[in-house]
Amino acid sequence: MRKTWLITGCSSGLGGHIAATAAARGDRIVATARDPAVLQPLARQFPENLRAVQLDVTDPLSVAAALAFAEREFGGLDVLVNNAGIGFIGAVEEAEPSEYRPVFEVNVFGLIETTRLALPLLRRRGGGRIVNLSSGAGLSGGPGSGYYSASKFAVEGFSESLAREVAPFGIRVTIVEPGPFRTDFLGRSIAMANQVIPAYADTAGRRRAYRDSNDGKQAGDPRKAAAVIVQAVMATEPPLHLPLGPVAYDIAERKSQALRADMAAWRDLALHTDFD
């Protein structure tokens, strides 16, 4: 059965690959970007079933217009993919509010508002799928990624709560947690704190160096990632959490082991905190 998808952030990253993969199987796609002109090659590749539409996740009116287009053009919505996002590198002390607040406006509040406005369409369909792009950094925070990780941790908590709220409607939520994939993420999709404090050279500074030396060299193939995401969307029992790639799996396993170790070490004290 053909599905109708709305995908944010299709101009770069995984969004365009997800759109192409879903369109290739015959699904109907509303591919969105702040500037839909950049999506014209994708629209020409799939003229019958893909439409390029303007959407800025920080502008609720633009979100509502894109959702109205999906309903008008294709009769509703089956799958929402919240892919739009931006990265940020810098130590907590280095960053200014004007630098880190936009990360939350896009990664958190934009995702929340897009989801909130899409839910009536999905409920009217009697079911559907929501895919929220998190990150390996949404599973475990690292030096230099505090603000970005905080935004993705918010996506994780929001998505887990949402999944429990919408399950009775037949709507399933999947949180995708990619490791490094060869996209523009380390290029034009990421910003760095202007201030550089030498004291953080061996912590946050290493993250800056990673960006400079790994952009365009990531091991992950975004086309393969998109294929797995589409397969998960089509599954009868889609996963709630979907780490993608060996690095993401390693992050998830190390986080789980560290949590269990802390719990075991402090169990006797931590369990005896109720009133006598």
C-alpha atoms as a PDB file:
ATOM      1  CA  MET A   1       0.000   0.000   0.000  1.00  0.00           C
ATOM      2  CA  ARG A   2       1.405   3.387  -1.033  1.00  0.00           C
ATOM      3  CA  LYS A   3       2.241   5.716   1.829  1.00  0.00           C
ATOM      4  CA  THR A   4       2.379   9.491   1.954  1.00  0.00           C
ATOM      5  CA  TRP A   5       5.499  10.899   3.605  1.00  0.00           C
ATOM      6  CA  LEU A   6       6.440  14.390   4.752  1.00  0.00           C
ATOM      7  CA  ILE A   7      10.179  14.708   5.343  1.00  0.00           C
ATOM      8  CA  THR A   8      11.887  17.788   6.775  1.00  0.00           C
ATOM      9  CA  GLY A   9      15.415  18.839   5.946  1.00  0.00           C
ATOM     10  CA  CYS A  10      15.702  17.181   2.533  1.00  0.00           C
ATOM     11  CA  SER A  11      18.333  19.573   1.209  1.00  0.00           C
ATOM     12  CA  SER A  12      21.145  17.719   2.965  1.00  0.00           C
ATOM     13  CA  GLY A  13      21.917  14.835   5.253  1.00  0.00           C
ATOM     14  CA  LEU A  14      19.756  11.768   5.391  1.00  0.00           C
ATOM     15  CA  GLY A  15      16.559  13.589   4.419  1.00  0.00           C
ATOM     16  CA  GLY A  16      17.161  13.564   0.684  1.00  0.00           C
ATOM     17  CA  HIS A  17      18.238   9.926   0.718  1.00  0.00           C
ATOM     18  CA  ILE A  18      15.153   8.884   2.680  1.00  0.00           C
ATOM     19  CA  ALA A  19      12.954  10.800   0.239  1.00  0.00           C
ATOM     20  CA  ALA A  20      14.579   9.148  -2.786  1.00  0.00           C
ATOM     21  CA  THR A  21      14.416   5.674  -1.261  1.00  0.00           C
ATOM     22  CA  ALA A  22      10.744   5.978  -0.360  1.00  0.00           C
ATOM     23  CA  ALA A  23       9.876   7.574  -3.720  1.00  0.00           C
ATOM     24  CA  ALA A  24      11.650   4.762  -5.582  1.00  0.00           C
ATOM     25  CA  ARG A  25       9.285   2.240  -4.023  1.00  0.00           C
ATOM     26  CA  GLY A  26       6.317   4.234  -5.314  1.00  0.00           C
ATOM     27  CA  ASP A  27       5.344   6.129  -2.180  1.00  0.00           C
ATOM     28  CA  ARG A  28       4.138   9.733  -2.345  1.00  0.00           C
ATOM     29  CA  ILE A  29       6.642  12.197  -0.925  1.00  0.00           C
ATOM     30  CA  VAL A  30       6.404  15.774   0.277  1.00  0.00           C
ATOM     31  CA  ALA A  31      10.101  16.624   0.406  1.00  0.00           C
ATOM     32  CA  THR A  32      10.741  19.879   2.209  1.00  0.00           C
ATOM     33  CA  ALA A  33      13.489  22.418   2.714  1.00  0.00           C
ATOM     34  CA  ARG A  34      13.771  26.064   3.637  1.00  0.00           C
ATOM     35  CA  ASP A  35      14.616  26.685  -0.021  1.00  0.00           C
ATOM     36  CA  PRO A  36      12.706  24.148  -2.147  1.00  0.00           C
ATOM     37  CA  ALA A  37      14.671  25.188  -5.241  1.00  0.00           C
ATOM     38  CA  VAL A  38      17.541  22.984  -4.047  1.00  0.00           C
ATOM     39  CA  LEU A  39      15.186  19.984  -4.235  1.00  0.00           C
ATOM     40  CA  GLN A  40      14.404  20.355  -7.933  1.00  0.00           C
ATOM     41  CA  PRO A  41      16.826  17.594  -9.041  1.00  0.00           C
ATOM     42  CA  LEU A  42      14.994  15.240  -6.682  1.00  0.00           C
ATOM     43  CA  ALA A  43      11.610  16.410  -7.951  1.00  0.00           C
ATOM     44  CA  ARG A  44      12.704  15.865 -11.565  1.00  0.00           C
ATOM     45  CA  GLN A  45      13.874  12.356 -10.700  1.00  0.00           C
ATOM     46  CA  PHE A  46      10.425  11.434  -9.344  1.00  0.00           C
ATOM     47  CA  PRO A  47       7.964  13.721 -11.153  1.00  0.00           C
ATOM     48  CA  GLU A  48       4.945  11.494 -10.569  1.00  0.00           C
ATOM     49  CA  ASN A  49       5.106  11.076  -6.814  1.00  0.00           C
ATOM     50  CA  LEU A  50       7.472  13.609  -5.210  1.00  0.00           C
ATOM     51  CA  ARG A  51       6.747  17.274  -4.538  1.00  0.00           C
ATOM     52  CA  ALA A  52       9.278  19.840  -3.333  1.00  0.00           C
ATOM     53  CA  VAL A  53       7.726  22.172  -0.771  1.00  0.00           C
ATOM     54  CA  GLN A  54       9.004  25.051   1.351  1.00  0.00           C
ATOM     55  CA  LEU A  55       9.181  24.342   5.088  1.00  0.00           C
ATOM     56  CA  ASP A  56      11.136  26.045   7.853  1.00  0.00           C
ATOM     57  CA  VAL A  57      10.671  24.091  11.077  1.00  0.00           C
ATOM     58  CA  THR A  58      11.162  27.283  13.116  1.00  0.00           C
ATOM     59  CA  ASP A  59       8.118  28.852  11.392  1.00  0.00           C
ATOM     60  CA  PRO A  60       4.843  27.181  12.461  1.00  0.00           C
ATOM     61  CA  LEU A  61       2.935  28.829   9.591  1.00  0.00           C
ATOM     62  CA  SER A  62       5.278  27.224   7.082  1.00  0.00           C
ATOM     63  CA  VAL A  63       4.897  23.849   8.823  1.00  0.00           C
ATOM     64  CA  ALA A  64       1.104  24.132   8.720  1.00  0.00           C
ATOM     65  CA  ALA A  65       1.200  25.083   5.031  1.00  0.00           C
ATOM     66  CA  ALA A  66       3.344  22.055   4.131  1.00  0.00           C
ATOM     67  CA  LEU A  67       1.025  19.714   6.031  1.00  0.00           C
ATOM     68  CA  ALA A  68      -1.999  21.274   4.325  1.00  0.00           C
ATOM     69  CA  PHE A  69      -0.279  20.687   0.990  1.00  0.00           C
ATOM     70  CA  ALA A  70       0.220  16.990   1.818  1.00  0.00           C
ATOM     71  CA  GLU A  71      -3.453  16.659   2.657  1.00  0.00           C
ATOM     72  CA  ARG A  72      -4.588  18.556  -0.413  1.00  0.00           C
ATOM     73  CA  GLU A  73      -2.191  16.916  -2.871  1.00  0.00           C
ATOM     74  CA  PHE A  74      -2.130  13.350  -1.567  1.00  0.00           C
ATOM     75  CA  GLY A  75      -5.169  13.099   0.687  1.00  0.00           C
ATOM     76  CA  GLY A  76      -3.452  12.895   4.070  1.00  0.00           C
ATOM     77  CA  LEU A  77      -0.298  11.796   5.807  1.00  0.00           C
ATOM     78  CA  ASP A  78       1.065   8.384   6.813  1.00  0.00           C
ATOM     79  CA  VAL A  79       4.697   9.031   7.710  1.00  0.00           C
ATOM     80  CA  LEU A  80       6.377  12.061   9.257  1.00  0.00           C
ATOM     81  CA  VAL A  81      10.170  12.172   9.245  1.00  0.00           C
ATOM     82  CA  ASN A  82      11.668  14.900  11.421  1.00  0.00           C
ATOM     83  CA  ASN A  83      15.114  15.044   9.865  1.00  0.00           C
ATOM     84  CA  ALA A  84      15.893  18.784   9.882  1.00  0.00           C
ATOM     85  CA  GLY A  85      18.643  19.592  12.324  1.00  0.00           C
ATOM     86  CA  ILE A  86      21.871  21.474  12.894  1.00  0.00           C
ATOM     87  CA  GLY A  87      25.024  20.616  14.790  1.00  0.00           C
ATOM     88  CA  PHE A  88      27.198  22.643  17.108  1.00  0.00           C
ATOM     89  CA  ILE A  89      30.700  22.170  18.498  1.00  0.00           C
ATOM     90  CA  GLY A  90      32.082  24.011  21.478  1.00  0.00           C
ATOM     91  CA  ALA A  91      32.749  23.638  25.173  1.00  0.00           C
ATOM     92  CA  VAL A  92      29.914  24.676  27.443  1.00  0.00           C
ATOM     93  CA  GLU A  93      31.932  27.645  28.688  1.00  0.00           C
ATOM     94  CA  GLU A  94      32.923  28.729  25.186  1.00  0.00           C
ATOM     95  CA  ALA A  95      29.453  29.128  23.666  1.00  0.00           C
ATOM     96  CA  GLU A  96      27.233  32.201  23.796  1.00  0.00           C
ATOM     97  CA  PRO A  97      23.398  32.054  23.907  1.00  0.00           C
ATOM     98  CA  SER A  98      23.185  33.507  20.393  1.00  0.00           C
ATOM     99  CA  GLU A  99      25.196  30.498  19.202  1.00  0.00           C
ATOM    100  CA  TYR A 100      23.540  27.626  21.057  1.00  0.00           C
ATOM    101  CA  ARG A 101      19.904  28.738  21.220  1.00  0.00           C
ATOM    102  CA  PRO A 102      19.351  28.204  17.452  1.00  0.00           C
ATOM    103  CA  VAL A 103      20.359  24.561  17.951  1.00  0.00           C
ATOM    104  CA  PHE A 104      17.386  24.090  20.256  1.00  0.00           C
ATOM    105  CA  GLU A 105      15.055  26.132  18.043  1.00  0.00           C
ATOM    106  CA  VAL A 106      15.662  23.733  15.145  1.00  0.00           C
ATOM    107  CA  ASN A 107      16.493  20.400  16.766  1.00  0.00           C
ATOM    108  CA  VAL A 108      13.960  20.530  19.602  1.00  0.00           C
ATOM    109  CA  PHE A 109      11.256  23.160  19.216  1.00  0.00           C
ATOM    110  CA  GLY A 110      11.035  22.815  15.432  1.00  0.00           C
ATOM    111  CA  LEU A 111      10.683  19.053  15.734  1.00  0.00           C
ATOM    112  CA  ILE A 112       8.089  19.403  18.495  1.00  0.00           C
ATOM    113  CA  GLU A 113       5.950  21.892  16.589  1.00  0.00           C
ATOM    114  CA  THR A 114       6.090  19.898  13.358  1.00  0.00           C
ATOM    115  CA  THR A 115       5.038  16.770  15.229  1.00  0.00           C
ATOM    116  CA  ARG A 116       2.279  18.547  17.129  1.00  0.00           C
ATOM    117  CA  LEU A 117       0.763  19.927  13.934  1.00  0.00           C
ATOM    118  CA  ALA A 118       1.047  16.593  12.094  1.00  0.00           C
ATOM    119  CA  LEU A 119      -0.656  14.496  14.768  1.00  0.00           C
ATOM    120  CA  PRO A 120      -4.263  15.328  13.757  1.00  0.00           C
ATOM    121  CA  LEU A 121      -3.542  14.147  10.211  1.00  0.00           C
ATOM    122  CA  LEU A 122      -2.012  10.900  11.454  1.00  0.00           C
ATOM    123  CA  ARG A 123      -4.870  10.267  13.866  1.00  0.00           C
ATOM    124  CA  ARG A 124      -7.400  10.825  11.081  1.00  0.00           C
ATOM    125  CA  ARG A 125      -5.550   8.176   9.090  1.00  0.00           C
ATOM    126  CA  GLY A 126      -6.075   5.720  11.935  1.00  0.00           C
ATOM    127  CA  GLY A 127      -2.365   5.104  12.339  1.00  0.00           C
ATOM    128  CA  GLY A 128       1.000   6.045  10.960  1.00  0.00           C
ATOM    129  CA  ARG A 129       4.684   6.422  11.652  1.00  0.00           C
ATOM    130  CA  ILE A 130       6.812   9.202  13.133  1.00  0.00           C
ATOM    131  CA  VAL A 131      10.573   9.035  12.650  1.00  0.00           C
ATOM    132  CA  ASN A 132      12.617  11.440  14.762  1.00  0.00           C
ATOM    133  CA  LEU A 133      16.284  11.858  13.935  1.00  0.00           C
ATOM    134  CA  SER A 134      18.399  11.861  17.062  1.00  0.00           C
ATOM    135  CA  SER A 135      22.096  10.925  17.115  1.00  0.00           C
ATOM    136  CA  GLY A 136      24.645   8.790  18.862  1.00  0.00           C
ATOM    137  CA  ALA A 137      25.161  12.045  20.779  1.00  0.00           C
ATOM    138  CA  GLY A 138      21.574  11.657  21.978  1.00  0.00           C
ATOM    139  CA  LEU A 139      22.596   8.467  23.738  1.00  0.00           C
ATOM    140  CA  SER A 140      25.821   9.677  25.344  1.00  0.00           C
ATOM    141  CA  GLY A 141      27.249  13.150  25.695  1.00  0.00           C
ATOM    142  CA  GLY A 142      30.846  13.913  24.848  1.00  0.00           C
ATOM    143  CA  PRO A 143      33.206  16.875  25.275  1.00  0.00           C
ATOM    144  CA  GLY A 144      32.566  19.633  22.790  1.00  0.00           C
ATOM    145  CA  SER A 145      29.046  18.390  22.076  1.00  0.00           C
ATOM    146  CA  GLY A 146      27.217  19.480  25.214  1.00  0.00           C
ATOM    147  CA  TYR A 147      24.666  21.716  23.514  1.00  0.00           C
ATOM    148  CA  TYR A 148      24.109  19.419  20.553  1.00  0.00           C
ATOM    149  CA  SER A 149      23.812  16.393  22.847  1.00  0.00           C
ATOM    150  CA  ALA A 150      21.363  18.262  25.080  1.00  0.00           C
ATOM    151  CA  SER A 151      19.145  18.952  22.067  1.00  0.00           C
ATOM    152  CA  LYS A 152      19.206  15.312  21.019  1.00  0.00           C
ATOM    153  CA  PHE A 153      18.630  14.063  24.571  1.00  0.00           C
ATOM    154  CA  ALA A 154      15.497  16.238  24.466  1.00  0.00           C
ATOM    155  CA  VAL A 155      14.446  14.517  21.240  1.00  0.00           C
ATOM    156  CA  GLU A 156      14.901  11.142  22.929  1.00  0.00           C
ATOM    157  CA  GLY A 157      12.746  11.995  25.947  1.00  0.00           C
ATOM    158  CA  PHE A 158      10.082  13.723  23.869  1.00  0.00           C
ATOM    159  CA  SER A 159       9.902  10.782  21.476  1.00  0.00           C
ATOM    160  CA  GLU A 160       9.679   8.129  24.191  1.00  0.00           C
ATOM    161  CA  SER A 161       6.797   9.965  25.861  1.00  0.00           C
ATOM    162  CA  LEU A 162       5.117  10.593  22.513  1.00  0.00           C
ATOM    163  CA  ALA A 163       5.364   6.909  21.607  1.00  0.00           C
ATOM    164  CA  ARG A 164       3.348   5.945  24.672  1.00  0.00           C
ATOM    165  CA  GLU A 165       0.746   8.654  24.063  1.00  0.00           C
ATOM    166  CA  VAL A 166       0.021   7.785  20.435  1.00  0.00           C
ATOM    167  CA  ALA A 167       0.289   3.998  20.568  1.00  0.00           C
ATOM    168  CA  PRO A 168      -3.487   3.631  21.178  1.00  0.00           C
ATOM    169  CA  PHE A 169      -4.074   5.409  17.849  1.00  0.00           C
ATOM    170  CA  GLY A 170      -1.926   2.952  15.912  1.00  0.00           C
ATOM    171  CA  ILE A 171       0.867   5.507  15.508  1.00  0.00           C
ATOM    172  CA  ARG A 172       4.385   4.199  16.084  1.00  0.00           C
ATOM    173  CA  VAL A 173       7.467   6.281  16.821  1.00  0.00           C
ATOM    174  CA  THR A 174      11.052   5.424  15.899  1.00  0.00           C
ATOM    175  CA  ILE A 175      14.074   7.357  17.188  1.00  0.00           C
ATOM    176  CA  VAL A 176      16.967   7.046  14.754  1.00  0.00           C
ATOM    177  CA  GLU A 177      20.405   7.413  16.366  1.00  0.00           C
ATOM    178  CA  PRO A 178      23.013   7.595  13.594  1.00  0.00           C
ATOM    179  CA  GLY A 179      26.729   7.449  14.039  1.00  0.00           C
ATOM    180  CA  PRO A 180      28.978   9.223  11.508  1.00  0.00           C
ATOM    181  CA  PHE A 181      27.619   9.086   7.955  1.00  0.00           C
ATOM    182  CA  ARG A 182      29.068  10.797   4.898  1.00  0.00           C
ATOM    183  CA  THR A 183      26.706  13.748   4.679  1.00  0.00           C
ATOM    184  CA  ASP A 184      27.108  17.517   5.034  1.00  0.00           C
ATOM    185  CA  PHE A 185      26.748  17.267   8.803  1.00  0.00           C
ATOM    186  CA  LEU A 186      30.400  18.062   9.539  1.00  0.00           C
ATOM    187  CA  GLY A 187      30.369  20.710   6.811  1.00  0.00           C
ATOM    188  CA  ARG A 188      27.707  23.358   6.283  1.00  0.00           C
ATOM    189  CA  SER A 189      25.269  21.742   8.746  1.00  0.00           C
ATOM    190  CA  ILE A 190      27.428  22.335  11.797  1.00  0.00           C
ATOM    191  CA  ALA A 191      28.592  25.479  13.573  1.00  0.00           C
ATOM    192  CA  MET A 192      31.359  26.061  16.098  1.00  0.00           C
ATOM    193  CA  ALA A 193      31.635  28.406  19.046  1.00  0.00           C
ATOM    194  CA  ASN A 194      33.533  31.531  18.078  1.00  0.00           C
ATOM    195  CA  GLN A 195      35.359  31.647  21.393  1.00  0.00           C
ATOM    196  CA  VAL A 196      38.188  29.145  21.843  1.00  0.00           C
ATOM    197  CA  ILE A 197      39.436  28.698  25.407  1.00  0.00           C
ATOM    198  CA  PRO A 198      42.891  27.019  25.447  1.00  0.00           C
ATOM    199  CA  ALA A 199      42.109  25.215  28.718  1.00  0.00           C
ATOM    200  CA  TYR A 200      39.683  22.974  26.786  1.00  0.00           C
ATOM    201  CA  ALA A 201      42.171  21.994  24.071  1.00  0.00           C
ATOM    202  CA  ASP A 202      42.345  18.365  25.217  1.00  0.00           C
ATOM    203  CA  THR A 203      38.561  17.940  25.567  1.00  0.00           C
ATOM    204  CA  ALA A 204      36.302  20.102  23.413  1.00  0.00           C
ATOM    205  CA  GLY A 205      39.292  20.998  21.261  1.00  0.00           C
ATOM    206  CA  ARG A 206      39.579  17.405  20.111  1.00  0.00           C
ATOM    207  CA  ARG A 207      36.006  17.577  18.828  1.00  0.00           C
ATOM    208  CA  ARG A 208      36.894  20.629  16.755  1.00  0.00           C
ATOM    209  CA  ALA A 209      39.841  18.753  15.312  1.00  0.00           C
ATOM    210  CA  TYR A 210      37.620  15.761  14.545  1.00  0.00           C
ATOM    211  CA  ARG A 211      35.345  17.976  12.477  1.00  0.00           C
ATOM    212  CA  ASP A 212      38.243  19.363  10.459  1.00  0.00           C
ATOM    213  CA  SER A 213      39.825  15.968   9.742  1.00  0.00           C
ATOM    214  CA  ASN A 214      36.718  13.825   9.144  1.00  0.00           C
ATOM    215  CA  ASP A 215      34.375  15.935   7.023  1.00  0.00           C
ATOM    216  CA  GLY A 216      33.666  13.901   3.892  1.00  0.00           C
ATOM    217  CA  LYS A 217      35.555  10.876   5.216  1.00  0.00           C
ATOM    218  CA  GLN A 218      32.887   9.302   7.442  1.00  0.00           C
ATOM    219  CA  ALA A 219      32.545   5.544   7.000  1.00  0.00           C
ATOM    220  CA  GLY A 220      28.743   5.456   6.969  1.00  0.00           C
ATOM    221  CA  ASP A 221      26.884   5.250   3.645  1.00  0.00           C
ATOM    222  CA  PRO A 222      23.765   7.460   3.884  1.00  0.00           C
ATOM    223  CA  ARG A 223      21.984   5.497   1.154  1.00  0.00           C
ATOM    224  CA  LYS A 224      22.270   2.323   3.208  1.00  0.00           C
ATOM    225  CA  ALA A 225      21.089   4.207   6.284  1.00  0.00           C
ATOM    226  CA  ALA A 226      18.054   5.506   4.390  1.00  0.00           C
ATOM    227  CA  ALA A 227      17.201   1.973   3.244  1.00  0.00           C
ATOM    228  CA  VAL A 228      17.233   0.717   6.846  1.00  0.00           C
ATOM    229  CA  ILE A 229      15.056   3.626   7.990  1.00  0.00           C
ATOM    230  CA  VAL A 230      12.488   2.986   5.267  1.00  0.00           C
ATOM    231  CA  GLN A 231      12.485  -0.713   6.132  1.00  0.00           C
ATOM    232  CA  ALA A 232      11.867   0.153   9.793  1.00  0.00           C
ATOM    233  CA  VAL A 233       8.969   2.428   8.833  1.00  0.00           C
ATOM    234  CA  MET A 234       7.372  -0.389   6.860  1.00  0.00           C
ATOM    235  CA  ALA A 235       7.833  -2.985   9.613  1.00  0.00           C
ATOM    236  CA  THR A 236       4.768  -4.239  11.431  1.00  0.00           C
ATOM    237  CA  GLU A 237       6.682  -3.816  14.695  1.00  0.00           C
ATOM    238  CA  PRO A 238       9.097  -0.916  14.138  1.00  0.00           C
ATOM    239  CA  PRO A 239      11.783  -0.304  16.759  1.00  0.00           C
ATOM    240  CA  LEU A 240      11.494   2.568  19.206  1.00  0.00           C
ATOM    241  CA  HIS A 241      15.281   3.016  19.163  1.00  0.00           C
ATOM    242  CA  LEU A 242      17.304   2.491  15.987  1.00  0.00           C
ATOM    243  CA  PRO A 243      21.066   3.088  16.375  1.00  0.00           C
ATOM    244  CA  LEU A 244      22.650   3.151  12.914  1.00  0.00           C
ATOM    245  CA  GLY A 245      26.208   2.097  12.219  1.00  0.00           C
ATOM    246  CA  PRO A 246      28.978   0.446  14.262  1.00  0.00           C
ATOM    247  CA  VAL A 247      29.897   3.675  16.070  1.00  0.00           C
ATOM    248  CA  ALA A 248      26.323   4.256  17.244  1.00  0.00           C
ATOM    249  CA  TYR A 249      26.029   0.665  18.435  1.00  0.00           C
ATOM    250  CA  ASP A 250      29.286   1.005  20.346  1.00  0.00           C
ATOM    251  CA  ILE A 251      28.062   4.230  21.967  1.00  0.00           C
ATOM    252  CA  ALA A 252      24.788   2.556  23.004  1.00  0.00           C
ATOM    253  CA  GLU A 253      26.546  -0.480  24.445  1.00  0.00           C
ATOM    254  CA  ARG A 254      29.100   1.574  26.400  1.00  0.00           C
ATOM    255  CA  LYS A 255      26.349   3.815  27.776  1.00  0.00           C
ATOM    256  CA  SER A 256      24.342   0.774  28.880  1.00  0.00           C
ATOM    257  CA  GLN A 257      27.389  -0.791  30.561  1.00  0.00           C
ATOM    258  CA  ALA A 258      28.283   2.462  32.347  1.00  0.00           C
ATOM    259  CA  LEU A 259      24.722   2.862  33.623  1.00  0.00           C
ATOM    260  CA  ARG A 260      24.636  -0.687  34.937  1.00  0.00           C
ATOM    261  CA  ALA A 261      28.025  -0.207  36.625  1.00  0.00           C
ATOM    262  CA  ASP A 262      26.887   2.970  38.412  1.00  0.00           C
ATOM    263  CA  MET A 263      23.655   1.311  39.506  1.00  0.00           C
ATOM    264  CA  ALA A 264      25.469  -1.712  40.898  1.00  0.00           C
ATOM    265  CA  ALA A 265      28.061   0.374  42.748  1.00  0.00           C
ATOM    266  CA  TRP A 266      25.478   2.590  44.476  1.00  0.00           C
ATOM    267  CA  ARG A 267      22.554   0.185  44.729  1.00  0.00           C
ATOM    268  CA  ASP A 268      22.671  -0.436  48.495  1.00  0.00           C
ATOM    269  CA  LEU A 269      22.692   3.273  49.316  1.00  0.00           C
ATOM    270  CA  ALA A 270      20.371   4.455  46.562  1.00  0.00           C
ATOM    271  CA  LEU A 271      17.588   1.963  47.376  1.00  0.00           C
ATOM    272  CA  HIS A 272      17.357   3.031  51.016  1.00  0.00           C
ATOM    273  CA  THR A 273      16.032   6.548  50.515  1.00  0.00           C
ATOM    274  CA  ASP A 274      12.324   6.080  51.342  1.00  0.00           C
ATOM    275  CA  PHE A 275      10.855   7.214  54.653  1.00  0.00           C
ATOM    276  CA  ASP A 276      11.298   4.624  57.440  1.00  0.00           C
END
